[in-house]
C-alpha atoms as a PDB file:
ATOM      1  CA  MET A   1      -4.228  -7.874  12.644  1.00  0.00           C
ATOM      2  CA  ARG A   2      -1.880  -9.219  15.289  1.00  0.00           C
ATOM      3  CA  TRP A   3      -1.874  -8.085  18.876  1.00  0.00           C
ATOM      4  CA  ASP A   4       0.981  -8.088  21.303  1.00  0.00           C
ATOM      5  CA  SER A   5       0.125 -10.382  24.385  1.00  0.00           C
ATOM      6  CA  SER A   6       0.265  -7.260  26.643  1.00  0.00           C
ATOM      7  CA  ILE A   7      -2.751  -5.676  24.871  1.00  0.00           C
ATOM      8  CA  ARG A   8      -5.911  -6.119  26.976  1.00  0.00           C
ATOM      9  CA  GLN A   9      -9.180  -7.232  25.489  1.00  0.00           C
ATOM     10  CA  THR A  10     -10.770  -4.037  26.518  1.00  0.00           C
ATOM     11  CA  ASP A  11      -8.062  -2.189  24.517  1.00  0.00           C
ATOM     12  CA  LYS A  12      -8.608  -4.308  21.611  1.00  0.00           C
ATOM     13  CA  LEU A  13     -12.323  -3.596  21.505  1.00  0.00           C
ATOM     14  CA  ILE A  14     -11.660   0.158  21.653  1.00  0.00           C
ATOM     15  CA  LEU A  15      -9.042   0.066  18.952  1.00  0.00           C
ATOM     16  CA  ALA A  16     -11.125  -2.142  16.679  1.00  0.00           C
ATOM     17  CA  ASP A  17     -14.345  -0.473  17.138  1.00  0.00           C
ATOM     18  CA  PRO A  18     -15.867   0.268  13.682  1.00  0.00           C
ATOM     19  CA  GLN A  19     -16.885   3.676  14.898  1.00  0.00           C
ATOM     20  CA  THR A  20     -13.240   4.709  15.267  1.00  0.00           C
ATOM     21  CA  PHE A  21     -12.066   3.078  12.029  1.00  0.00           C
ATOM     22  CA  GLY A  22     -13.585   5.727   9.915  1.00  0.00           C
ATOM     23  CA  GLY A  23     -16.276   5.427   7.030  1.00  0.00           C
ATOM     24  CA  LEU A  24     -17.724   2.364   5.173  1.00  0.00           C
ATOM     25  CA  LEU A  25     -15.283   0.508   3.112  1.00  0.00           C
ATOM     26  CA  ILE A  26     -16.470  -1.180  -0.122  1.00  0.00           C
ATOM     27  CA  VAL A  27     -14.318  -3.669  -1.946  1.00  0.00           C
ATOM     28  CA  VAL A  28     -14.928  -4.144  -5.725  1.00  0.00           C
ATOM     29  CA  PRO A  29     -12.873  -5.568  -8.585  1.00  0.00           C
ATOM     30  CA  ALA A  30     -10.245  -3.080  -9.793  1.00  0.00           C
ATOM     31  CA  GLU A  31     -11.811  -2.947 -13.229  1.00  0.00           C
ATOM     32  CA  LYS A  32     -15.078  -1.740 -11.660  1.00  0.00           C
ATOM     33  CA  ALA A  33     -13.622   0.877  -9.315  1.00  0.00           C
ATOM     34  CA  GLY A  34     -14.296   3.860 -11.526  1.00  0.00           C
ATOM     35  CA  THR A  35     -17.821   2.784 -12.400  1.00  0.00           C
ATOM     36  CA  THR A  36     -18.640   2.245  -8.504  1.00  0.00           C
ATOM     37  CA  VAL A  37     -17.188   5.632  -7.554  1.00  0.00           C
ATOM     38  CA  ASN A  38     -19.129   7.375 -10.471  1.00  0.00           C
ATOM     39  CA  ALA A  39     -22.339   5.601  -9.340  1.00  0.00           C
ATOM     40  CA  LEU A  40     -21.792   6.695  -5.663  1.00  0.00           C
ATOM     41  CA  LEU A  41     -21.104  10.343  -6.738  1.00  0.00           C
ATOM     42  CA  ALA A  42     -24.348  10.399  -9.048  1.00  0.00           C
ATOM     43  CA  ALA A  43     -26.312   9.113  -6.005  1.00  0.00           C
ATOM     44  CA  GLY A  44     -25.005  11.935  -3.964  1.00  0.00           C
ATOM     45  CA  VAL A  45     -22.695   9.751  -1.861  1.00  0.00           C
ATOM     46  CA  ALA A  46     -18.976  10.663  -1.352  1.00  0.00           C
ATOM     47  CA  GLY A  47     -16.717   7.925  -2.643  1.00  0.00           C
ATOM     48  CA  VAL A  48     -13.052   7.611  -3.710  1.00  0.00           C
ATOM     49  CA  ARG A  49     -10.736   4.859  -4.508  1.00  0.00           C
ATOM     50  CA  ILE A  50      -8.085   4.360  -1.813  1.00  0.00           C
ATOM     51  CA  GLY A  51      -5.988   1.505  -2.603  1.00  0.00           C
ATOM     52  CA  GLU A  52      -5.844  -2.147  -3.635  1.00  0.00           C
ATOM     53  CA  ILE A  53      -5.651  -5.543  -2.042  1.00  0.00           C
ATOM     54  CA  ILE A  54      -2.242  -7.260  -2.391  1.00  0.00           C
ATOM     55  CA  GLN A  55      -0.873 -10.534  -1.153  1.00  0.00           C
ATOM     56  CA  SER A  56       0.958 -10.265   2.174  1.00  0.00           C
ATOM     57  CA  GLU A  57       3.436 -12.466   4.087  1.00  0.00           C
ATOM     58  CA  GLY A  58       2.255 -11.519   7.500  1.00  0.00           C
ATOM     59  CA  PRO A  59      -0.235  -9.321   9.310  1.00  0.00           C
ATOM     60  CA  PRO A  60      -0.169  -5.685   8.014  1.00  0.00           C
ATOM     61  CA  ILE A  61      -0.889  -4.309  11.501  1.00  0.00           C
ATOM     62  CA  TYR A  62       0.892  -5.105  14.764  1.00  0.00           C
ATOM     63  CA  VAL A  63      -0.213  -3.468  17.947  1.00  0.00           C
ATOM     64  CA  SER A  64       2.046  -3.261  20.938  1.00  0.00           C
ATOM     65  CA  LYS A  65       2.558  -1.280  24.109  1.00  0.00           C
END
């Protein structure tokens, strides 16, 4: 994540608070995604595959005012 210089530290802490980012994120190898989701569901825990990690040339998120 890259922040514009105008973003105050307090705002960064609020925007990056794990409580406002959503649920728990688990990273597993792609070939184990289905097995992991099935194990979570079998244990009564909601789980879904949401994406994949790809190589990036720059920060994927830029925050500015």
